Amino acid sequence: MDIATLIGLIGSFVVVVSAIVFGGSAGMFVNVPSILIVLVGSTFVVLMQYPLAKFLSAGKIAAKAFMFRSVPLDTLIDEIYSLADDARKGGLLSLEGREVSHPFLSKGIQMLVDGHDGTVIRTQLSRDMNQSYYRHNSSAKVFKSFGDVGPAMGMIGTLIGLVQMLSNMSDPKSIGPAMAVALLTTLYGAALANMVCLPIQTKLNVRADEELICQKLILDALLAIQSGQNPRILDGALKTYIAESKRIERG
């Protein structure tokens, strides 16, 4: 669980809802036509922009913004050092069946055990790495589209409300509901974009970058293990991936 994402999402809504409640009646901020225009309208507009499969998969990948178990790079380096040391002492076959913390590393270890050379390992894992990065960024683009379309649909709702209001100026009772649609759709659109969709898009991009760095580290490590590089030299090379303040020399 990514506590920062959860706190940010809940906290932003608590602040806005508190301002609404303390400022007066909360009921005046609920308008069904506005909700339909922004939420349902935005969904259909974004659906037009992407294939159905990609649109639906974005929701599944969005879970990474909330449920993502990242392996700290320093912990991963320690694990790789142990694997490299075992491989140097007992050969690559000694790694067979070893449980590791990262699925990408597990796949690479299996390729080492199966006897693939460095070129095959680099080609296969680089392809997997690039495809994974593409999928995550592709899903992030869906949420960016929601962030772009939401305020636009809010503006459309505002124009609808203004037209309704101006066409019925002779009836004072119609002005209030029309203005509600006009203003609330703008509010809903801004909230959808800036409190939900754009933050999720940014978090997915961050996750994609983190995973890419982790996979690059693993790929470098696997190629070094396959070539029989000294574990201490490998350890020093991999530590360039982490901040200098976190680098601890082995005794």
C-alpha atoms as a PDB file:
ATOM      1  CA  MET A   1       0.000   0.000   0.000  1.00  0.00           C
ATOM      2  CA  ASP A   2       1.340   3.413  -1.007  1.00  0.00           C
ATOM      3  CA  ILE A   3       0.320   5.470   2.006  1.00  0.00           C
ATOM      4  CA  ALA A   4       1.301   8.762   0.336  1.00  0.00           C
ATOM      5  CA  THR A   5      -1.229   8.289  -2.475  1.00  0.00           C
ATOM      6  CA  LEU A   6      -3.993   7.358  -0.040  1.00  0.00           C
ATOM      7  CA  ILE A   7      -3.263  10.240   2.322  1.00  0.00           C
ATOM      8  CA  GLY A   8      -3.075  12.707  -0.553  1.00  0.00           C
ATOM      9  CA  LEU A   9      -6.359  11.576  -2.090  1.00  0.00           C
ATOM     10  CA  ILE A  10      -8.310  11.442   1.168  1.00  0.00           C
ATOM     11  CA  GLY A  11      -6.731  14.613   2.506  1.00  0.00           C
ATOM     12  CA  SER A  12      -7.589  16.672  -0.565  1.00  0.00           C
ATOM     13  CA  PHE A  13     -11.223  15.581  -0.442  1.00  0.00           C
ATOM     14  CA  VAL A  14     -11.423  16.186   3.320  1.00  0.00           C
ATOM     15  CA  VAL A  15     -10.190  19.761   2.857  1.00  0.00           C
ATOM     16  CA  VAL A  16     -12.655  20.530   0.051  1.00  0.00           C
ATOM     17  CA  VAL A  17     -15.626  18.827   1.725  1.00  0.00           C
ATOM     18  CA  SER A  18     -14.836  20.575   5.026  1.00  0.00           C
ATOM     19  CA  ALA A  19     -14.838  23.940   3.276  1.00  0.00           C
ATOM     20  CA  ILE A  20     -18.208  23.090   1.747  1.00  0.00           C
ATOM     21  CA  VAL A  21     -19.759  21.897   5.040  1.00  0.00           C
ATOM     22  CA  PHE A  22     -18.462  24.772   7.138  1.00  0.00           C
ATOM     23  CA  GLY A  23     -19.477  27.285   4.494  1.00  0.00           C
ATOM     24  CA  GLY A  24     -23.152  26.335   4.445  1.00  0.00           C
ATOM     25  CA  SER A  25     -25.457  23.613   3.223  1.00  0.00           C
ATOM     26  CA  ALA A  26     -23.636  20.757   1.502  1.00  0.00           C
ATOM     27  CA  GLY A  27     -26.777  19.820  -0.419  1.00  0.00           C
ATOM     28  CA  MET A  28     -26.437  22.813  -2.717  1.00  0.00           C
ATOM     29  CA  PHE A  29     -23.217  21.307  -4.096  1.00  0.00           C
ATOM     30  CA  VAL A  30     -24.965  18.169  -5.352  1.00  0.00           C
ATOM     31  CA  ASN A  31     -26.429  18.409  -8.823  1.00  0.00           C
ATOM     32  CA  VAL A  32     -27.232  15.299 -10.847  1.00  0.00           C
ATOM     33  CA  PRO A  33     -27.074  16.915 -14.325  1.00  0.00           C
ATOM     34  CA  SER A  34     -23.626  18.301 -13.487  1.00  0.00           C
ATOM     35  CA  ILE A  35     -22.425  14.882 -12.361  1.00  0.00           C
ATOM     36  CA  LEU A  36     -23.729  13.289 -15.570  1.00  0.00           C
ATOM     37  CA  ILE A  37     -22.073  15.900 -17.771  1.00  0.00           C
ATOM     38  CA  VAL A  38     -18.659  15.653 -16.104  1.00  0.00           C
ATOM     39  CA  LEU A  39     -18.309  12.030 -14.990  1.00  0.00           C
ATOM     40  CA  VAL A  40     -20.334  10.169 -17.591  1.00  0.00           C
ATOM     41  CA  GLY A  41     -19.585  12.626 -20.383  1.00  0.00           C
ATOM     42  CA  SER A  42     -15.836  12.538 -19.696  1.00  0.00           C
ATOM     43  CA  THR A  43     -15.854   8.742 -19.652  1.00  0.00           C
ATOM     44  CA  PHE A  44     -17.430   8.526 -23.097  1.00  0.00           C
ATOM     45  CA  VAL A  45     -15.150  11.190 -24.561  1.00  0.00           C
ATOM     46  CA  VAL A  46     -12.019   9.449 -23.275  1.00  0.00           C
ATOM     47  CA  LEU A  47     -13.397   6.119 -24.473  1.00  0.00           C
ATOM     48  CA  MET A  48     -13.470   7.546 -27.988  1.00  0.00           C
ATOM     49  CA  GLN A  49      -9.756   8.292 -27.775  1.00  0.00           C
ATOM     50  CA  TYR A  50      -8.529   4.774 -26.962  1.00  0.00           C
ATOM     51  CA  PRO A  51      -9.245   1.148 -27.910  1.00  0.00           C
ATOM     52  CA  LEU A  52     -11.600  -0.501 -25.452  1.00  0.00           C
ATOM     53  CA  ALA A  53      -8.965  -2.948 -24.187  1.00  0.00           C
ATOM     54  CA  LYS A  54      -6.483  -0.180 -23.419  1.00  0.00           C
ATOM     55  CA  PHE A  55      -9.187   1.916 -21.737  1.00  0.00           C
ATOM     56  CA  LEU A  56     -10.220  -0.972 -19.471  1.00  0.00           C
ATOM     57  CA  SER A  57      -6.649  -2.020 -18.670  1.00  0.00           C
ATOM     58  CA  ALA A  58      -5.856   1.498 -17.453  1.00  0.00           C
ATOM     59  CA  GLY A  59      -8.041   0.939 -14.401  1.00  0.00           C
ATOM     60  CA  LYS A  60      -6.177  -2.230 -13.507  1.00  0.00           C
ATOM     61  CA  ILE A  61      -2.755  -0.614 -13.873  1.00  0.00           C
ATOM     62  CA  ALA A  62      -3.987   2.412 -11.899  1.00  0.00           C
ATOM     63  CA  ALA A  63      -4.000   0.163  -8.850  1.00  0.00           C
ATOM     64  CA  LYS A  64      -0.211   0.572  -8.888  1.00  0.00           C
ATOM     65  CA  ALA A  65      -0.779   4.139  -7.693  1.00  0.00           C
ATOM     66  CA  PHE A  66      -2.240   2.698  -4.488  1.00  0.00           C
ATOM     67  CA  MET A  67      -1.004  -0.893  -4.224  1.00  0.00           C
ATOM     68  CA  PHE A  68       2.642  -1.121  -5.198  1.00  0.00           C
ATOM     69  CA  ARG A  69       5.335  -3.013  -3.358  1.00  0.00           C
ATOM     70  CA  SER A  70       8.655  -1.615  -4.480  1.00  0.00           C
ATOM     71  CA  VAL A  71      11.917  -3.313  -3.556  1.00  0.00           C
ATOM     72  CA  PRO A  72      14.433  -0.786  -2.149  1.00  0.00           C
ATOM     73  CA  LEU A  73      17.449  -0.685  -4.443  1.00  0.00           C
ATOM     74  CA  ASP A  74      19.929  -1.168  -1.597  1.00  0.00           C
ATOM     75  CA  THR A  75      18.065  -4.314  -0.513  1.00  0.00           C
ATOM     76  CA  LEU A  76      17.981  -5.539  -4.108  1.00  0.00           C
ATOM     77  CA  ILE A  77      21.736  -4.967  -4.460  1.00  0.00           C
ATOM     78  CA  ASP A  78      22.375  -6.993  -1.301  1.00  0.00           C
ATOM     79  CA  GLU A  79      20.285  -9.814  -2.720  1.00  0.00           C
ATOM     80  CA  ILE A  80      22.114  -9.704  -6.048  1.00  0.00           C
ATOM     81  CA  TYR A  81      25.485  -9.706  -4.285  1.00  0.00           C
ATOM     82  CA  SER A  82      24.495 -12.927  -2.530  1.00  0.00           C
ATOM     83  CA  LEU A  83      23.382 -14.466  -5.834  1.00  0.00           C
ATOM     84  CA  ALA A  84      26.604 -13.421  -7.567  1.00  0.00           C
ATOM     85  CA  ASP A  85      28.694 -14.854  -4.745  1.00  0.00           C
ATOM     86  CA  ASP A  86      26.857 -18.175  -4.904  1.00  0.00           C
ATOM     87  CA  ALA A  87      27.177 -18.309  -8.695  1.00  0.00           C
ATOM     88  CA  ARG A  88      30.905 -17.633  -8.496  1.00  0.00           C
ATOM     89  CA  LYS A  89      31.426 -20.405  -5.950  1.00  0.00           C
ATOM     90  CA  GLY A  90      29.004 -23.039  -7.211  1.00  0.00           C
ATOM     91  CA  GLY A  91      28.298 -22.099 -10.814  1.00  0.00           C
ATOM     92  CA  LEU A  92      25.140 -20.752 -12.408  1.00  0.00           C
ATOM     93  CA  LEU A  93      23.254 -23.999 -11.769  1.00  0.00           C
ATOM     94  CA  SER A  94      23.521 -23.316  -8.040  1.00  0.00           C
ATOM     95  CA  LEU A  95      20.969 -20.515  -8.547  1.00  0.00           C
ATOM     96  CA  GLU A  96      18.258 -22.877  -9.738  1.00  0.00           C
ATOM     97  CA  GLY A  97      15.175 -22.749  -7.534  1.00  0.00           C
ATOM     98  CA  ARG A  98      16.341 -19.688  -5.584  1.00  0.00           C
ATOM     99  CA  GLU A  99      13.503 -17.470  -4.385  1.00  0.00           C
ATOM    100  CA  VAL A 100      14.070 -13.817  -5.199  1.00  0.00           C
ATOM    101  CA  SER A 101      12.141 -10.653  -4.411  1.00  0.00           C
ATOM    102  CA  HIS A 102      11.558  -9.370  -7.957  1.00  0.00           C
ATOM    103  CA  PRO A 103       9.815 -11.241 -10.820  1.00  0.00           C
ATOM    104  CA  PHE A 104      12.110  -9.637 -13.406  1.00  0.00           C
ATOM    105  CA  LEU A 105      15.122 -10.914 -11.501  1.00  0.00           C
ATOM    106  CA  SER A 106      13.517 -14.355 -11.204  1.00  0.00           C
ATOM    107  CA  LYS A 107      13.037 -14.559 -14.964  1.00  0.00           C
ATOM    108  CA  GLY A 108      16.626 -13.495 -15.565  1.00  0.00           C
ATOM    109  CA  ILE A 109      18.004 -16.040 -13.098  1.00  0.00           C
ATOM    110  CA  GLN A 110      16.071 -18.776 -14.883  1.00  0.00           C
ATOM    111  CA  MET A 111      17.605 -17.685 -18.182  1.00  0.00           C
ATOM    112  CA  LEU A 112      21.066 -17.909 -16.614  1.00  0.00           C
ATOM    113  CA  VAL A 113      20.345 -21.391 -15.299  1.00  0.00           C
ATOM    114  CA  ASP A 114      19.055 -22.443 -18.747  1.00  0.00           C
ATOM    115  CA  GLY A 115      22.402 -21.467 -20.245  1.00  0.00           C
ATOM    116  CA  HIS A 116      21.438 -18.521 -22.442  1.00  0.00           C
ATOM    117  CA  ASP A 117      24.301 -16.264 -23.455  1.00  0.00           C
ATOM    118  CA  GLY A 118      24.520 -12.571 -22.678  1.00  0.00           C
ATOM    119  CA  THR A 119      23.155 -11.410 -26.036  1.00  0.00           C
ATOM    120  CA  VAL A 120      19.972 -13.455 -25.672  1.00  0.00           C
ATOM    121  CA  ILE A 121      19.470 -12.323 -22.091  1.00  0.00           C
ATOM    122  CA  ARG A 122      19.955  -8.665 -22.991  1.00  0.00           C
ATOM    123  CA  THR A 123      17.639  -8.859 -26.004  1.00  0.00           C
ATOM    124  CA  GLN A 124      14.828 -10.698 -24.230  1.00  0.00           C
ATOM    125  CA  LEU A 125      14.870  -8.735 -20.994  1.00  0.00           C
ATOM    126  CA  SER A 126      15.288  -5.390 -22.757  1.00  0.00           C
ATOM    127  CA  ARG A 127      12.186  -6.194 -24.780  1.00  0.00           C
ATOM    128  CA  ASP A 128      10.248  -7.057 -21.623  1.00  0.00           C
ATOM    129  CA  MET A 129      11.524  -3.919 -19.927  1.00  0.00           C
ATOM    130  CA  ASN A 130      10.504  -1.636 -22.794  1.00  0.00           C
ATOM    131  CA  GLN A 131       7.065  -3.225 -23.133  1.00  0.00           C
ATOM    132  CA  SER A 132       6.406  -2.879 -19.400  1.00  0.00           C
ATOM    133  CA  TYR A 133       7.416   0.781 -19.483  1.00  0.00           C
ATOM    134  CA  TYR A 134       5.196   1.367 -22.523  1.00  0.00           C
ATOM    135  CA  ARG A 135       2.153  -0.246 -20.867  1.00  0.00           C
ATOM    136  CA  HIS A 136       2.481   1.821 -17.724  1.00  0.00           C
ATOM    137  CA  ASN A 137       2.919   5.098 -19.578  1.00  0.00           C
ATOM    138  CA  SER A 138       0.092   4.192 -21.945  1.00  0.00           C
ATOM    139  CA  SER A 139      -2.268   3.773 -18.986  1.00  0.00           C
ATOM    140  CA  ALA A 140      -1.011   7.028 -17.494  1.00  0.00           C
ATOM    141  CA  LYS A 141      -2.023   8.762 -20.723  1.00  0.00           C
ATOM    142  CA  VAL A 142      -5.612   7.586 -20.225  1.00  0.00           C
ATOM    143  CA  PHE A 143      -5.738   9.422 -16.891  1.00  0.00           C
ATOM    144  CA  LYS A 144      -4.104  12.466 -18.444  1.00  0.00           C
ATOM    145  CA  SER A 145      -6.916  12.435 -20.991  1.00  0.00           C
ATOM    146  CA  PHE A 146      -9.440  12.382 -18.150  1.00  0.00           C
ATOM    147  CA  GLY A 147      -7.562  15.320 -16.622  1.00  0.00           C
ATOM    148  CA  ASP A 148      -7.820  17.231 -19.894  1.00  0.00           C
ATOM    149  CA  VAL A 149     -11.403  16.294 -20.719  1.00  0.00           C
ATOM    150  CA  GLY A 150     -12.890  16.795 -17.225  1.00  0.00           C
ATOM    151  CA  PRO A 151     -12.485  20.590 -17.090  1.00  0.00           C
ATOM    152  CA  ALA A 152     -13.572  20.838 -20.734  1.00  0.00           C
ATOM    153  CA  MET A 153     -16.780  18.958 -19.954  1.00  0.00           C
ATOM    154  CA  GLY A 154     -17.189  21.244 -16.954  1.00  0.00           C
ATOM    155  CA  MET A 155     -17.010  24.223 -19.297  1.00  0.00           C
ATOM    156  CA  ILE A 156     -19.591  22.614 -21.583  1.00  0.00           C
ATOM    157  CA  GLY A 157     -21.867  22.201 -18.566  1.00  0.00           C
ATOM    158  CA  THR A 158     -21.277  25.831 -17.655  1.00  0.00           C
ATOM    159  CA  LEU A 159     -22.333  26.937 -21.146  1.00  0.00           C
ATOM    160  CA  ILE A 160     -25.428  24.731 -20.972  1.00  0.00           C
ATOM    161  CA  GLY A 161     -26.367  26.284 -17.633  1.00  0.00           C
ATOM    162  CA  LEU A 162     -25.815  29.809 -18.927  1.00  0.00           C
ATOM    163  CA  VAL A 163     -27.934  29.170 -22.023  1.00  0.00           C
ATOM    164  CA  GLN A 164     -30.727  27.781 -19.851  1.00  0.00           C
ATOM    165  CA  MET A 165     -30.479  30.748 -17.523  1.00  0.00           C
ATOM    166  CA  LEU A 166     -30.451  33.381 -20.278  1.00  0.00           C
ATOM    167  CA  SER A 167     -33.328  31.770 -22.127  1.00  0.00           C
ATOM    168  CA  ASN A 168     -35.529  31.903 -19.023  1.00  0.00           C
ATOM    169  CA  MET A 169     -34.693  35.274 -17.503  1.00  0.00           C
ATOM    170  CA  SER A 170     -38.392  36.010 -17.270  1.00  0.00           C
ATOM    171  CA  ASP A 171     -38.792  33.148 -14.769  1.00  0.00           C
ATOM    172  CA  PRO A 172     -36.800  33.924 -11.611  1.00  0.00           C
ATOM    173  CA  LYS A 173     -37.265  30.376 -10.284  1.00  0.00           C
ATOM    174  CA  SER A 174     -35.306  28.904 -13.186  1.00  0.00           C
ATOM    175  CA  ILE A 175     -32.249  31.094 -12.683  1.00  0.00           C
ATOM    176  CA  GLY A 176     -31.054  29.294  -9.558  1.00  0.00           C
ATOM    177  CA  PRO A 177     -31.042  25.709 -10.959  1.00  0.00           C
ATOM    178  CA  ALA A 178     -29.493  26.896 -14.214  1.00  0.00           C
ATOM    179  CA  MET A 179     -26.700  28.686 -12.375  1.00  0.00           C
ATOM    180  CA  ALA A 180     -26.139  25.599 -10.248  1.00  0.00           C
ATOM    181  CA  VAL A 181     -25.507  23.529 -13.352  1.00  0.00           C
ATOM    182  CA  ALA A 182     -23.314  26.276 -14.759  1.00  0.00           C
ATOM    183  CA  LEU A 183     -21.066  26.564 -11.697  1.00  0.00           C
ATOM    184  CA  LEU A 184     -21.086  23.021 -10.349  1.00  0.00           C
ATOM    185  CA  THR A 185     -20.005  21.419 -13.605  1.00  0.00           C
ATOM    186  CA  THR A 186     -16.918  23.642 -13.566  1.00  0.00           C
ATOM    187  CA  LEU A 187     -16.258  22.623  -9.948  1.00  0.00           C
ATOM    188  CA  TYR A 188     -16.735  18.919 -10.693  1.00  0.00           C
ATOM    189  CA  GLY A 189     -14.510  19.081 -13.754  1.00  0.00           C
ATOM    190  CA  ALA A 190     -11.713  20.841 -11.876  1.00  0.00           C
ATOM    191  CA  ALA A 191     -11.971  18.395  -8.952  1.00  0.00           C
ATOM    192  CA  LEU A 192     -11.950  15.341 -11.219  1.00  0.00           C
ATOM    193  CA  ALA A 193      -8.863  16.549 -13.043  1.00  0.00           C
ATOM    194  CA  ASN A 194      -6.753  18.051 -10.271  1.00  0.00           C
ATOM    195  CA  MET A 195      -7.699  15.877  -7.289  1.00  0.00           C
ATOM    196  CA  VAL A 196      -7.959  12.464  -8.944  1.00  0.00           C
ATOM    197  CA  CYS A 197      -6.863  11.942 -12.543  1.00  0.00           C
ATOM    198  CA  LEU A 198      -3.748  14.089 -12.930  1.00  0.00           C
ATOM    199  CA  PRO A 199      -2.246  12.960  -9.583  1.00  0.00           C
ATOM    200  CA  ILE A 200      -2.811   9.318 -10.570  1.00  0.00           C
ATOM    201  CA  GLN A 201      -1.193   9.981 -13.950  1.00  0.00           C
ATOM    202  CA  THR A 202       1.860  11.516 -12.282  1.00  0.00           C
ATOM    203  CA  LYS A 203       2.131   8.665  -9.764  1.00  0.00           C
ATOM    204  CA  LEU A 204       1.926   6.075 -12.552  1.00  0.00           C
ATOM    205  CA  ASN A 205       4.737   7.868 -14.394  1.00  0.00           C
ATOM    206  CA  VAL A 206       6.798   7.845 -11.208  1.00  0.00           C
ATOM    207  CA  ARG A 207       6.131   4.120 -10.736  1.00  0.00           C
ATOM    208  CA  ALA A 208       7.107   3.424 -14.339  1.00  0.00           C
ATOM    209  CA  ASP A 209      10.395   5.284 -13.875  1.00  0.00           C
ATOM    210  CA  GLU A 210      11.119   3.479 -10.604  1.00  0.00           C
ATOM    211  CA  GLU A 211      10.445   0.097 -12.148  1.00  0.00           C
ATOM    212  CA  LEU A 212      12.553   0.921 -15.193  1.00  0.00           C
ATOM    213  CA  ILE A 213      15.545   1.845 -13.018  1.00  0.00           C
ATOM    214  CA  CYS A 214      15.090  -1.340 -11.003  1.00  0.00           C
ATOM    215  CA  GLN A 215      14.954  -3.453 -14.153  1.00  0.00           C
ATOM    216  CA  LYS A 216      18.026  -1.763 -15.626  1.00  0.00           C
ATOM    217  CA  LEU A 217      19.928  -2.525 -12.428  1.00  0.00           C
ATOM    218  CA  ILE A 218      18.827  -6.162 -12.586  1.00  0.00           C
ATOM    219  CA  LEU A 219      19.784  -6.473 -16.253  1.00  0.00           C
ATOM    220  CA  ASP A 220      23.271  -5.083 -15.586  1.00  0.00           C
ATOM    221  CA  ALA A 221      23.629  -7.497 -12.675  1.00  0.00           C
ATOM    222  CA  LEU A 222      22.514 -10.550 -14.651  1.00  0.00           C
ATOM    223  CA  LEU A 223      24.940  -9.845 -17.473  1.00  0.00           C
ATOM    224  CA  ALA A 224      27.754  -9.405 -14.946  1.00  0.00           C
ATOM    225  CA  ILE A 225      26.880 -12.666 -13.193  1.00  0.00           C
ATOM    226  CA  GLN A 226      26.697 -14.463 -16.544  1.00  0.00           C
ATOM    227  CA  SER A 227      30.189 -13.223 -17.433  1.00  0.00           C
ATOM    228  CA  GLY A 228      31.565 -14.315 -14.041  1.00  0.00           C
ATOM    229  CA  GLN A 229      32.366 -10.850 -12.722  1.00  0.00           C
ATOM    230  CA  ASN A 230      33.736 -10.578  -9.179  1.00  0.00           C
ATOM    231  CA  PRO A 231      30.808  -9.968  -6.759  1.00  0.00           C
ATOM    232  CA  ARG A 232      32.604  -7.070  -5.051  1.00  0.00           C
ATOM    233  CA  ILE A 233      33.212  -5.297  -8.356  1.00  0.00           C
ATOM    234  CA  LEU A 234      29.592  -5.915  -9.316  1.00  0.00           C
ATOM    235  CA  ASP A 235      28.431  -4.584  -5.943  1.00  0.00           C
ATOM    236  CA  GLY A 236      30.357  -1.359  -6.445  1.00  0.00           C
ATOM    237  CA  ALA A 237      29.023  -0.918  -9.968  1.00  0.00           C
ATOM    238  CA  LEU A 238      25.404  -1.436  -8.919  1.00  0.00           C
ATOM    239  CA  LYS A 239      25.659   1.060  -6.082  1.00  0.00           C
ATOM    240  CA  THR A 240      25.925   3.836  -8.642  1.00  0.00           C
ATOM    241  CA  TYR A 241      22.142   3.388  -8.958  1.00  0.00           C
ATOM    242  CA  ILE A 242      21.529   4.648  -5.411  1.00  0.00           C
ATOM    243  CA  ALA A 243      22.324   7.906  -3.634  1.00  0.00           C
ATOM    244  CA  GLU A 244      25.846   8.178  -2.310  1.00  0.00           C
ATOM    245  CA  SER A 245      24.554   8.712   1.227  1.00  0.00           C
ATOM    246  CA  LYS A 246      22.952   5.242   1.143  1.00  0.00           C
ATOM    247  CA  ARG A 247      26.004   3.386  -0.098  1.00  0.00           C
ATOM    248  CA  ILE A 248      27.494   1.143   2.579  1.00  0.00           C
ATOM    249  CA  GLU A 249      30.831  -0.536   1.958  1.00  0.00           C
ATOM    250  CA  ARG A 250      30.951  -4.251   2.602  1.00  0.00           C
ATOM    251  CA  GLY A 251      33.281  -5.508   5.316  1.00  0.00           C
END
